[in-house]
C-alpha atoms as a PDB file:
ATOM      1  CA  MET A   1      72.830 116.866  91.057  1.00  0.00           C
ATOM      2  CA  ASP A   2      73.679 118.966  94.124  1.00  0.00           C
ATOM      3  CA  LEU A   3      72.335 122.454  94.785  1.00  0.00           C
ATOM      4  CA  ALA A   4      75.429 124.283  93.495  1.00  0.00           C
ATOM      5  CA  ASP A   5      75.222 122.468  90.153  1.00  0.00           C
ATOM      6  CA  ALA A   6      71.474 123.074  89.922  1.00  0.00           C
ATOM      7  CA  LEU A   7      71.968 126.817  90.527  1.00  0.00           C
ATOM      8  CA  GLU A   8      74.787 126.937  87.982  1.00  0.00           C
ATOM      9  CA  GLU A   9      72.435 125.490  85.386  1.00  0.00           C
ATOM     10  CA  LEU A  10      69.635 127.878  86.384  1.00  0.00           C
ATOM     11  CA  ALA A  11      71.904 130.928  86.242  1.00  0.00           C
ATOM     12  CA  GLY A  12      72.794 130.083  82.651  1.00  0.00           C
ATOM     13  CA  GLU A  13      69.320 131.188  81.596  1.00  0.00           C
ATOM     14  CA  LEU A  14      70.207 134.857  82.220  1.00  0.00           C
ATOM     15  CA  PRO A  15      73.037 136.872  80.658  1.00  0.00           C
ATOM     16  CA  ALA A  16      75.775 137.327  83.258  1.00  0.00           C
ATOM     17  CA  ARG A  17      75.362 141.099  83.429  1.00  0.00           C
ATOM     18  CA  ARG A  18      71.585 140.873  83.809  1.00  0.00           C
ATOM     19  CA  LEU A  19      71.958 138.297  86.568  1.00  0.00           C
ATOM     20  CA  ALA A  20      74.482 140.439  88.466  1.00  0.00           C
ATOM     21  CA  ASP A  21      72.263 143.530  88.110  1.00  0.00           C
ATOM     22  CA  GLU A  22      69.246 141.663  89.493  1.00  0.00           C
ATOM     23  CA  VAL A  23      71.321 140.257  92.380  1.00  0.00           C
ATOM     24  CA  GLU A  24      72.561 143.771  93.160  1.00  0.00           C
ATOM     25  CA  ARG A  25      68.929 144.910  93.358  1.00  0.00           C
ATOM     26  CA  TRP A  26      68.173 142.128  95.847  1.00  0.00           C
ATOM     27  CA  GLN A  27      71.208 143.101  97.897  1.00  0.00           C
ATOM     28  CA  ARG A  28      69.935 146.669  98.188  1.00  0.00           C
ATOM     29  CA  ILE A  29      66.548 145.375  99.350  1.00  0.00           C
ATOM     30  CA  TYR A  30      68.117 143.131 101.992  1.00  0.00           C
ATOM     31  CA  ARG A  31      70.301 145.941 103.293  1.00  0.00           C
ATOM     32  CA  ASP A  32      67.311 148.264 103.745  1.00  0.00           C
ATOM     33  CA  PRO A  33      66.028 147.823 107.326  1.00  0.00           C
ATOM     34  CA  ALA A  34      62.679 149.340 106.316  1.00  0.00           C
ATOM     35  CA  ALA A  35      62.090 146.843 103.485  1.00  0.00           C
ATOM     36  CA  ASP A  36      58.972 144.709 103.933  1.00  0.00           C
ATOM     37  CA  LEU A  37      59.645 141.541 101.985  1.00  0.00           C
ATOM     38  CA  ALA A  38      56.247 140.096 102.873  1.00  0.00           C
ATOM     39  CA  ALA A  39      54.554 142.978 101.041  1.00  0.00           C
ATOM     40  CA  ALA A  40      56.697 142.649  97.906  1.00  0.00           C
ATOM     41  CA  PRO A  41      54.809 142.393  94.606  1.00  0.00           C
ATOM     42  CA  ARG A  42      54.933 139.227  92.535  1.00  0.00           C
ATOM     43  CA  LEU A  43      58.334 138.522  91.045  1.00  0.00           C
ATOM     44  CA  THR A  44      59.250 138.275  87.402  1.00  0.00           C
ATOM     45  CA  PRO A  45      60.902 135.013  86.300  1.00  0.00           C
ATOM     46  CA  GLU A  46      64.252 136.834  86.051  1.00  0.00           C
ATOM     47  CA  GLN A  47      63.920 138.227  89.587  1.00  0.00           C
ATOM     48  CA  ALA A  48      63.080 134.775  90.955  1.00  0.00           C
ATOM     49  CA  ILE A  49      66.118 133.233  89.249  1.00  0.00           C
ATOM     50  CA  ALA A  50      68.381 135.977  90.599  1.00  0.00           C
ATOM     51  CA  TYR A  51      66.970 135.563  94.104  1.00  0.00           C
ATOM     52  CA  ALA A  52      67.584 131.818  94.038  1.00  0.00           C
ATOM     53  CA  VAL A  53      71.180 132.254  92.879  1.00  0.00           C
ATOM     54  CA  TYR A  54      71.774 135.041  95.407  1.00  0.00           C
ATOM     55  CA  ARG A  55      70.126 133.649  98.561  1.00  0.00           C
ATOM     56  CA  MET A  56      69.715 129.885  98.269  1.00  0.00           C
ATOM     57  CA  PRO A  57      73.349 128.967  99.090  1.00  0.00           C
ATOM     58  CA  ALA A  58      73.291 130.901 102.379  1.00  0.00           C
ATOM     59  CA  THR A  59      69.765 129.806 103.302  1.00  0.00           C
ATOM     60  CA  TYR A  60      70.690 126.205 102.562  1.00  0.00           C
ATOM     61  CA  ALA A  61      73.857 126.458 104.692  1.00  0.00           C
ATOM     62  CA  ALA A  62      72.070 127.961 107.710  1.00  0.00           C
ATOM     63  CA  THR A  63      69.149 125.550 107.523  1.00  0.00           C
ATOM     64  CA  THR A  64      71.452 122.570 107.115  1.00  0.00           C
ATOM     65  CA  ALA A  65      73.407 123.662 110.200  1.00  0.00           C
ATOM     66  CA  ALA A  66      70.183 123.910 112.234  1.00  0.00           C
ATOM     67  CA  LEU A  67      68.824 120.563 111.024  1.00  0.00           C
ATOM     68  CA  THR A  68      72.158 118.896 111.742  1.00  0.00           C
ATOM     69  CA  GLU A  69      71.788 119.945 115.391  1.00  0.00           C
ATOM     70  CA  VAL A  70      68.241 118.563 115.386  1.00  0.00           C
ATOM     71  CA  ALA A  71      69.538 115.226 114.063  1.00  0.00           C
ATOM     72  CA  ALA A  72      72.177 115.156 116.817  1.00  0.00           C
ATOM     73  CA  ALA A  73      69.562 115.818 119.515  1.00  0.00           C
ATOM     74  CA  MET A  74      67.102 113.305 118.015  1.00  0.00           C
ATOM     75  CA  PRO A  75      69.216 110.381 116.748  1.00  0.00           C
ATOM     76  CA  ASP A  76      66.152 108.169 116.170  1.00  0.00           C
ATOM     77  CA  PHE A  77      64.277 110.822 114.201  1.00  0.00           C
ATOM     78  CA  ALA A  78      63.769 109.618 110.620  1.00  0.00           C
ATOM     79  CA  PRO A  79      61.157 111.933 109.089  1.00  0.00           C
ATOM     80  CA  VAL A  80      59.414 110.811 105.929  1.00  0.00           C
ATOM     81  CA  SER A  81      57.148 113.823 105.330  1.00  0.00           C
ATOM     82  CA  MET A  82      57.913 117.531 105.499  1.00  0.00           C
ATOM     83  CA  LEU A  83      56.251 120.909 105.082  1.00  0.00           C
ATOM     84  CA  ASP A  84      58.512 123.635 103.666  1.00  0.00           C
ATOM     85  CA  ILE A  85      56.753 126.767 104.930  1.00  0.00           C
ATOM     86  CA  GLY A  86      57.213 129.865 102.772  1.00  0.00           C
ATOM     87  CA  ALA A  87      59.460 127.700 100.656  1.00  0.00           C
ATOM     88  CA  GLY A  88      60.679 130.174  98.084  1.00  0.00           C
ATOM     89  CA  ALA A  89      62.762 128.115  95.672  1.00  0.00           C
ATOM     90  CA  GLY A  90      63.067 125.284  98.187  1.00  0.00           C
ATOM     91  CA  ALA A  91      66.382 125.735 100.009  1.00  0.00           C
ATOM     92  CA  ALA A  92      65.032 124.164 103.215  1.00  0.00           C
ATOM     93  CA  SER A  93      63.806 121.137 101.256  1.00  0.00           C
ATOM     94  CA  TRP A  94      67.311 120.595  99.876  1.00  0.00           C
ATOM     95  CA  SER A  95      68.682 120.824 103.423  1.00  0.00           C
ATOM     96  CA  ALA A  96      66.163 118.348 104.843  1.00  0.00           C
ATOM     97  CA  THR A  97      66.779 115.727 102.169  1.00  0.00           C
ATOM     98  CA  ASP A  98      70.529 116.015 102.730  1.00  0.00           C
ATOM     99  CA  VAL A  99      70.331 115.758 106.544  1.00  0.00           C
ATOM    100  CA  PHE A 100      67.557 113.139 106.660  1.00  0.00           C
ATOM    101  CA  PRO A 101      67.949 110.423 103.987  1.00  0.00           C
ATOM    102  CA  SER A 102      64.578 109.011 105.107  1.00  0.00           C
ATOM    103  CA  MET A 103      62.771 112.040 103.635  1.00  0.00           C
ATOM    104  CA  LYS A 104      60.409 111.134 100.796  1.00  0.00           C
ATOM    105  CA  ASP A 105      57.349 113.385 100.761  1.00  0.00           C
ATOM    106  CA  ILE A 106      57.887 117.169 100.720  1.00  0.00           C
ATOM    107  CA  THR A 107      55.098 119.718 100.391  1.00  0.00           C
ATOM    108  CA  ALA A 108      56.402 123.214  99.668  1.00  0.00           C
ATOM    109  CA  ILE A 109      54.068 126.124 100.467  1.00  0.00           C
ATOM    110  CA  GLU A 110      54.797 129.330  98.545  1.00  0.00           C
ATOM    111  CA  ARG A 111      52.648 132.236  97.343  1.00  0.00           C
ATOM    112  CA  ASP A 112      54.779 133.592  94.477  1.00  0.00           C
ATOM    113  CA  PRO A 113      54.261 131.887  91.075  1.00  0.00           C
ATOM    114  CA  ALA A 114      57.712 132.730  89.712  1.00  0.00           C
ATOM    115  CA  MET A 115      59.418 131.388  92.845  1.00  0.00           C
ATOM    116  CA  ARG A 116      57.333 128.217  92.720  1.00  0.00           C
ATOM    117  CA  ALA A 117      58.345 127.724  89.099  1.00  0.00           C
ATOM    118  CA  VAL A 118      62.037 128.058  89.966  1.00  0.00           C
ATOM    119  CA  GLY A 119      61.700 125.648  92.883  1.00  0.00           C
ATOM    120  CA  GLN A 120      59.977 123.031  90.739  1.00  0.00           C
ATOM    121  CA  ARG A 121      62.669 123.298  88.079  1.00  0.00           C
ATOM    122  CA  LEU A 122      65.455 122.878  90.626  1.00  0.00           C
ATOM    123  CA  ALA A 123      63.861 119.755  92.125  1.00  0.00           C
ATOM    124  CA  GLU A 124      60.639 117.801  91.793  1.00  0.00           C
ATOM    125  CA  ARG A 125      58.516 119.055  94.675  1.00  0.00           C
ATOM    126  CA  THR A 126      54.806 119.234  95.407  1.00  0.00           C
ATOM    127  CA  TYR A 127      54.140 122.963  95.600  1.00  0.00           C
ATOM    128  CA  VAL A 128      50.995 124.341  97.205  1.00  0.00           C
ATOM    129  CA  THR A 129      49.937 127.835  96.219  1.00  0.00           C
ATOM    130  CA  ALA A 130      49.173 129.671  99.454  1.00  0.00           C
ATOM    131  CA  ASP A 131      49.798 132.931 101.253  1.00  0.00           C
ATOM    132  CA  LEU A 132      50.919 132.366 104.843  1.00  0.00           C
ATOM    133  CA  ALA A 133      49.112 135.562 105.836  1.00  0.00           C
ATOM    134  CA  THR A 134      45.768 133.835 105.205  1.00  0.00           C
ATOM    135  CA  LYS A 135      46.453 130.078 105.165  1.00  0.00           C
ATOM    136  CA  ARG A 136      45.003 128.240 108.150  1.00  0.00           C
ATOM    137  CA  ASP A 137      45.023 124.564 107.176  1.00  0.00           C
ATOM    138  CA  PHE A 138      48.268 122.617 106.900  1.00  0.00           C
ATOM    139  CA  PRO A 139      48.541 118.894 106.180  1.00  0.00           C
ATOM    140  CA  SER A 140      50.051 116.657 108.829  1.00  0.00           C
ATOM    141  CA  ALA A 141      53.780 115.910 108.569  1.00  0.00           C
ATOM    142  CA  ASP A 142      56.725 114.591 110.532  1.00  0.00           C
ATOM    143  CA  LEU A 143      58.705 117.810 110.102  1.00  0.00           C
ATOM    144  CA  ALA A 144      57.969 121.439 109.268  1.00  0.00           C
ATOM    145  CA  VAL A 145      60.708 123.922 108.412  1.00  0.00           C
ATOM    146  CA  ALA A 146      60.193 127.662 107.994  1.00  0.00           C
ATOM    147  CA  SER A 147      63.456 129.159 106.815  1.00  0.00           C
ATOM    148  CA  TYR A 148      63.698 132.953 106.543  1.00  0.00           C
ATOM    149  CA  SER A 149      59.953 133.156 105.912  1.00  0.00           C
ATOM    150  CA  LEU A 150      58.079 134.109 109.112  1.00  0.00           C
ATOM    151  CA  ASN A 151      59.765 137.211 110.501  1.00  0.00           C
ATOM    152  CA  GLU A 152      57.806 139.618 108.287  1.00  0.00           C
ATOM    153  CA  LEU A 153      54.506 137.835 108.886  1.00  0.00           C
ATOM    154  CA  SER A 154      51.830 139.502 111.009  1.00  0.00           C
ATOM    155  CA  THR A 155      49.956 136.201 111.527  1.00  0.00           C
ATOM    156  CA  VAL A 156      52.952 134.191 112.749  1.00  0.00           C
ATOM    157  CA  ASP A 157      51.199 133.157 116.004  1.00  0.00           C
ATOM    158  CA  THR A 158      48.354 131.592 114.040  1.00  0.00           C
ATOM    159  CA  VAL A 159      50.729 129.768 111.684  1.00  0.00           C
ATOM    160  CA  ILE A 160      52.768 128.367 114.586  1.00  0.00           C
ATOM    161  CA  ALA A 161      49.654 127.255 116.473  1.00  0.00           C
ATOM    162  CA  GLU A 162      48.355 125.389 113.424  1.00  0.00           C
ATOM    163  CA  LEU A 163      51.732 123.762 112.743  1.00  0.00           C
ATOM    164  CA  ALA A 164      51.995 122.643 116.367  1.00  0.00           C
ATOM    165  CA  ARG A 165      48.680 120.803 115.956  1.00  0.00           C
ATOM    166  CA  LYS A 166      49.726 119.003 112.772  1.00  0.00           C
ATOM    167  CA  VAL A 167      53.494 118.433 112.950  1.00  0.00           C
ATOM    168  CA  GLN A 168      55.746 116.422 115.283  1.00  0.00           C
ATOM    169  CA  THR A 169      58.873 118.557 114.936  1.00  0.00           C
ATOM    170  CA  ILE A 170      59.113 122.216 113.930  1.00  0.00           C
ATOM    171  CA  VAL A 171      62.271 124.103 112.953  1.00  0.00           C
ATOM    172  CA  ILE A 172      62.286 127.870 112.450  1.00  0.00           C
ATOM    173  CA  VAL A 173      65.334 129.688 111.019  1.00  0.00           C
ATOM    174  CA  GLU A 174      65.611 133.482 110.753  1.00  0.00           C
ATOM    175  CA  PRO A 175      68.394 136.022 110.121  1.00  0.00           C
ATOM    176  CA  GLY A 176      70.943 136.277 112.924  1.00  0.00           C
ATOM    177  CA  THR A 177      70.008 139.851 113.756  1.00  0.00           C
ATOM    178  CA  PRO A 178      68.400 141.320 116.891  1.00  0.00           C
ATOM    179  CA  ARG A 179      65.117 141.476 115.019  1.00  0.00           C
ATOM    180  CA  GLY A 180      65.457 137.925 113.721  1.00  0.00           C
ATOM    181  CA  PHE A 181      66.240 136.621 117.182  1.00  0.00           C
ATOM    182  CA  ALA A 182      63.320 138.521 118.727  1.00  0.00           C
ATOM    183  CA  GLY A 183      61.017 136.618 116.386  1.00  0.00           C
ATOM    184  CA  ILE A 184      62.693 133.308 117.233  1.00  0.00           C
ATOM    185  CA  ARG A 185      62.428 133.974 120.972  1.00  0.00           C
ATOM    186  CA  ALA A 186      58.691 134.707 120.701  1.00  0.00           C
ATOM    187  CA  ILE A 187      58.109 131.564 118.611  1.00  0.00           C
ATOM    188  CA  ARG A 188      60.151 129.491 121.070  1.00  0.00           C
ATOM    189  CA  ARG A 189      57.998 130.706 123.964  1.00  0.00           C
ATOM    190  CA  GLN A 190      54.813 129.901 122.043  1.00  0.00           C
ATOM    191  CA  LEU A 191      55.980 126.390 121.116  1.00  0.00           C
ATOM    192  CA  VAL A 192      56.839 125.604 124.741  1.00  0.00           C
ATOM    193  CA  ASP A 193      53.459 126.987 125.868  1.00  0.00           C
ATOM    194  CA  LEU A 194      51.830 124.660 123.328  1.00  0.00           C
ATOM    195  CA  GLY A 195      53.444 121.659 125.006  1.00  0.00           C
ATOM    196  CA  MET A 196      56.468 121.076 122.773  1.00  0.00           C
ATOM    197  CA  ARG A 197      60.050 120.563 123.987  1.00  0.00           C
ATOM    198  CA  VAL A 198      62.984 122.546 122.653  1.00  0.00           C
ATOM    199  CA  ALA A 199      65.395 120.225 120.830  1.00  0.00           C
ATOM    200  CA  ALA A 200      67.996 122.819 119.792  1.00  0.00           C
ATOM    201  CA  PRO A 201      69.844 125.053 120.245  1.00  0.00           C
ATOM    202  CA  CYS A 202      68.645 125.573 123.829  1.00  0.00           C
ATOM    203  CA  PRO A 203      69.554 123.011 126.503  1.00  0.00           C
ATOM    204  CA  HIS A 204      66.321 123.737 128.418  1.00  0.00           C
ATOM    205  CA  ASP A 205      62.664 124.723 128.048  1.00  0.00           C
ATOM    206  CA  GLY A 206      62.817 127.599 130.513  1.00  0.00           C
ATOM    207  CA  GLU A 207      62.700 131.303 129.776  1.00  0.00           C
ATOM    208  CA  CYS A 208      65.467 132.424 127.426  1.00  0.00           C
ATOM    209  CA  PRO A 209      68.231 134.014 129.560  1.00  0.00           C
ATOM    210  CA  ILE A 210      69.489 136.311 126.783  1.00  0.00           C
ATOM    211  CA  VAL A 211      69.041 139.958 127.796  1.00  0.00           C
ATOM    212  CA  ASP A 212      68.707 142.849 125.333  1.00  0.00           C
ATOM    213  CA  PRO A 213      70.680 144.281 123.620  1.00  0.00           C
ATOM    214  CA  ASP A 214      72.412 140.888 123.287  1.00  0.00           C
ATOM    215  CA  TRP A 215      70.918 138.250 121.019  1.00  0.00           C
ATOM    216  CA  CYS A 216      71.413 134.539 120.371  1.00  0.00           C
ATOM    217  CA  HIS A 217      72.714 133.736 116.917  1.00  0.00           C
ATOM    218  CA  PHE A 218      75.187 131.486 115.172  1.00  0.00           C
ATOM    219  CA  SER A 219      77.330 131.536 112.048  1.00  0.00           C
ATOM    220  CA  VAL A 220      78.053 129.130 109.220  1.00  0.00           C
ATOM    221  CA  ARG A 221      80.750 129.588 106.581  1.00  0.00           C
ATOM    222  CA  LEU A 222      79.864 128.592 103.037  1.00  0.00           C
ATOM    223  CA  GLN A 223      82.123 128.331 100.040  1.00  0.00           C
ATOM    224  CA  ARG A 224      80.931 130.440  97.134  1.00  0.00           C
ATOM    225  CA  SER A 225      80.614 128.629  93.827  1.00  0.00           C
ATOM    226  CA  ALA A 226      81.881 130.272  90.655  1.00  0.00           C
ATOM    227  CA  VAL A 227      78.369 131.363  89.663  1.00  0.00           C
ATOM    228  CA  HIS A 228      77.722 132.713  93.167  1.00  0.00           C
ATOM    229  CA  ARG A 229      80.852 134.876  92.994  1.00  0.00           C
ATOM    230  CA  ARG A 230      79.998 136.117  89.510  1.00  0.00           C
ATOM    231  CA  ALA A 231      76.402 136.928  90.445  1.00  0.00           C
ATOM    232  CA  LYS A 232      77.464 138.861  93.559  1.00  0.00           C
ATOM    233  CA  ARG A 233      80.478 140.457  91.839  1.00  0.00           C
ATOM    234  CA  ALA A 234      82.467 139.126  94.788  1.00  0.00           C
ATOM    235  CA  ASP A 235      86.170 138.375  95.113  1.00  0.00           C
ATOM    236  CA  LEU A 236      86.157 136.268  98.279  1.00  0.00           C
ATOM    237  CA  GLY A 237      85.631 132.547  97.824  1.00  0.00           C
ATOM    238  CA  TYR A 238      83.475 132.290 100.946  1.00  0.00           C
ATOM    239  CA  GLU A 239      80.924 134.144 103.053  1.00  0.00           C
ATOM    240  CA  ASP A 240      79.607 133.834 106.610  1.00  0.00           C
ATOM    241  CA  GLU A 241      75.873 133.566 107.160  1.00  0.00           C
ATOM    242  CA  LYS A 242      74.549 134.602 110.579  1.00  0.00           C
ATOM    243  CA  PHE A 243      71.311 132.972 111.682  1.00  0.00           C
ATOM    244  CA  SER A 244      69.055 132.343 114.684  1.00  0.00           C
ATOM    245  CA  TYR A 245      66.907 129.256 115.036  1.00  0.00           C
ATOM    246  CA  VAL A 246      64.755 127.112 117.278  1.00  0.00           C
ATOM    247  CA  ALA A 247      63.679 123.499 116.935  1.00  0.00           C
ATOM    248  CA  ALA A 248      60.841 122.053 119.022  1.00  0.00           C
ATOM    249  CA  THR A 249      59.342 118.571 119.110  1.00  0.00           C
ATOM    250  CA  ARG A 250      56.838 116.243 120.741  1.00  0.00           C
ATOM    251  CA  LEU A 251      59.241 113.307 120.327  1.00  0.00           C
ATOM    252  CA  PRO A 252      61.998 112.091 122.689  1.00  0.00           C
ATOM    253  CA  VAL A 253      65.043 114.337 122.610  1.00  0.00           C
ATOM    254  CA  GLU A 254      68.628 114.133 123.916  1.00  0.00           C
ATOM    255  CA  ARG A 255      69.455 117.777 124.405  1.00  0.00           C
ATOM    256  CA  ALA A 256      72.910 119.243 124.727  1.00  0.00           C
ATOM    257  CA  SER A 257      73.832 119.973 128.330  1.00  0.00           C
ATOM    258  CA  ALA A 258      75.204 123.347 127.199  1.00  0.00           C
ATOM    259  CA  ARG A 259      75.509 125.388 123.989  1.00  0.00           C
ATOM    260  CA  VAL A 260      78.488 127.567 123.009  1.00  0.00           C
ATOM    261  CA  LEU A 261      77.165 131.090 122.379  1.00  0.00           C
ATOM    262  CA  ARG A 262      80.308 132.850 121.133  1.00  0.00           C
ATOM    263  CA  HIS A 263      83.593 132.097 119.410  1.00  0.00           C
ATOM    264  CA  PRO A 264      85.743 130.323 122.034  1.00  0.00           C
ATOM    265  CA  GLN A 265      88.670 132.434 123.221  1.00  0.00           C
ATOM    266  CA  ILE A 266      91.784 130.248 123.084  1.00  0.00           C
ATOM    267  CA  ARG A 267      94.602 131.479 125.311  1.00  0.00           C
ATOM    268  CA  SER A 268      97.860 130.006 126.546  1.00  0.00           C
ATOM    269  CA  GLY A 269      96.892 127.067 128.746  1.00  0.00           C
ATOM    270  CA  HIS A 270      93.151 127.737 128.840  1.00  0.00           C
ATOM    271  CA  VAL A 271      90.002 128.276 126.765  1.00  0.00           C
ATOM    272  CA  MET A 272      87.234 130.710 127.686  1.00  0.00           C
ATOM    273  CA  LEU A 273      83.690 129.734 126.714  1.00  0.00           C
ATOM    274  CA  ARG A 274      80.364 131.511 126.965  1.00  0.00           C
ATOM    275  CA  LEU A 275      77.740 128.825 127.498  1.00  0.00           C
ATOM    276  CA  CYS A 276      73.982 128.599 127.812  1.00  0.00           C
ATOM    277  CA  ARG A 277      72.782 125.967 130.316  1.00  0.00           C
ATOM    278  CA  ASP A 278      69.726 127.110 132.267  1.00  0.00           C
ATOM    279  CA  GLY A 279      71.397 130.530 132.274  1.00  0.00           C
ATOM    280  CA  ILE A 280      74.443 132.198 130.747  1.00  0.00           C
ATOM    281  CA  GLU A 281      77.822 131.073 132.094  1.00  0.00           C
ATOM    282  CA  ASP A 282      81.347 132.232 131.297  1.00  0.00           C
ATOM    283  CA  VAL A 283      83.535 129.176 131.810  1.00  0.00           C
ATOM    284  CA  THR A 284      87.320 128.803 131.731  1.00  0.00           C
ATOM    285  CA  VAL A 285      88.628 125.340 130.836  1.00  0.00           C
ATOM    286  CA  SER A 286      92.277 124.929 131.782  1.00  0.00           C
ATOM    287  CA  LYS A 287      94.932 122.576 130.513  1.00  0.00           C
ATOM    288  CA  ARG A 288      94.824 120.783 133.877  1.00  0.00           C
ATOM    289  CA  GLN A 289      91.328 119.539 132.996  1.00  0.00           C
ATOM    290  CA  GLY A 290      92.700 117.077 130.442  1.00  0.00           C
ATOM    291  CA  ASP A 291      90.017 115.749 128.097  1.00  0.00           C
ATOM    292  CA  ALA A 292      87.692 118.695 128.732  1.00  0.00           C
ATOM    293  CA  TYR A 293      90.501 121.052 127.673  1.00  0.00           C
ATOM    294  CA  LYS A 294      91.148 119.038 124.493  1.00  0.00           C
ATOM    295  CA  ARG A 295      87.445 119.220 123.619  1.00  0.00           C
ATOM    296  CA  ALA A 296      87.304 122.928 124.395  1.00  0.00           C
ATOM    297  CA  ARG A 297      90.176 123.653 122.014  1.00  0.00           C
ATOM    298  CA  ARG A 298      88.301 121.958 119.176  1.00  0.00           C
ATOM    299  CA  ILE A 299      84.844 123.293 119.906  1.00  0.00           C
ATOM    300  CA  LEU A 300      83.178 125.903 117.706  1.00  0.00           C
ATOM    301  CA  TRP A 301      80.588 128.630 118.187  1.00  0.00           C
ATOM    302  CA  GLY A 302      77.176 126.971 118.166  1.00  0.00           C
ATOM    303  CA  ASP A 303      78.401 123.508 119.187  1.00  0.00           C
ATOM    304  CA  ALA A 304      77.042 121.491 122.081  1.00  0.00           C
ATOM    305  CA  PHE A 305      79.399 121.166 125.048  1.00  0.00           C
END
């Protein structure tokens, strides 16, 4: 069963109107810039189901996009064990098992009982009851993924330091907002200071060249399932999820020589690209450049180049 089918089955446990009302409540929370999700009280089972139906498709899409870039940069990486940090209902675990068929042993760390229950019903996972604000001991693993779970955390430095001691490769995904990217940039700096190499998206380990008020983020388009559209009372059959991420490792890595930071601008006879190498470059690839031009016309925001 894939994630869309699992969520369809889960959504059937709530009347359609109740599900849509609970999703609408979550949407209001997410749109409130002052909302502190880390301080939220424990969820009811209905709220946890609505959250999973509402957010898991987008979280899964963003995390899968990030892990796909990790797999491209580390073609020999075949992780067997994983920590899903602040797992919620386990979207990152679904992503990791889809990107890395070698994955066998997943430990999901989540504080909320209702969210743990939903995650265990969607897939058989080993859930550990823990609050990231106080947890200091993580088991060793090949891979750790924290997807949309650290940006509200006051102890993020401590969590990252402990993960860097226990895990070979760490992937952090946050919302593609200025605030989300600020958290990613700080984590990236800490991981490099702890001796890890950036695997993606950056083509270097040096200081991030992005200057405020700009921010580094990417976008993934996901197709909405029927239950996703009903729950969100949405007409469009798709949505775009903006996200920022960093992946760091102690293993060998084949980094991209450059990363596309914006939608390519395709013009008559040339393509304009904004790239990150060891700094930001605006590059024009003309038709006279042959194969490079053909690649540039096919390339997408977020791709290696």
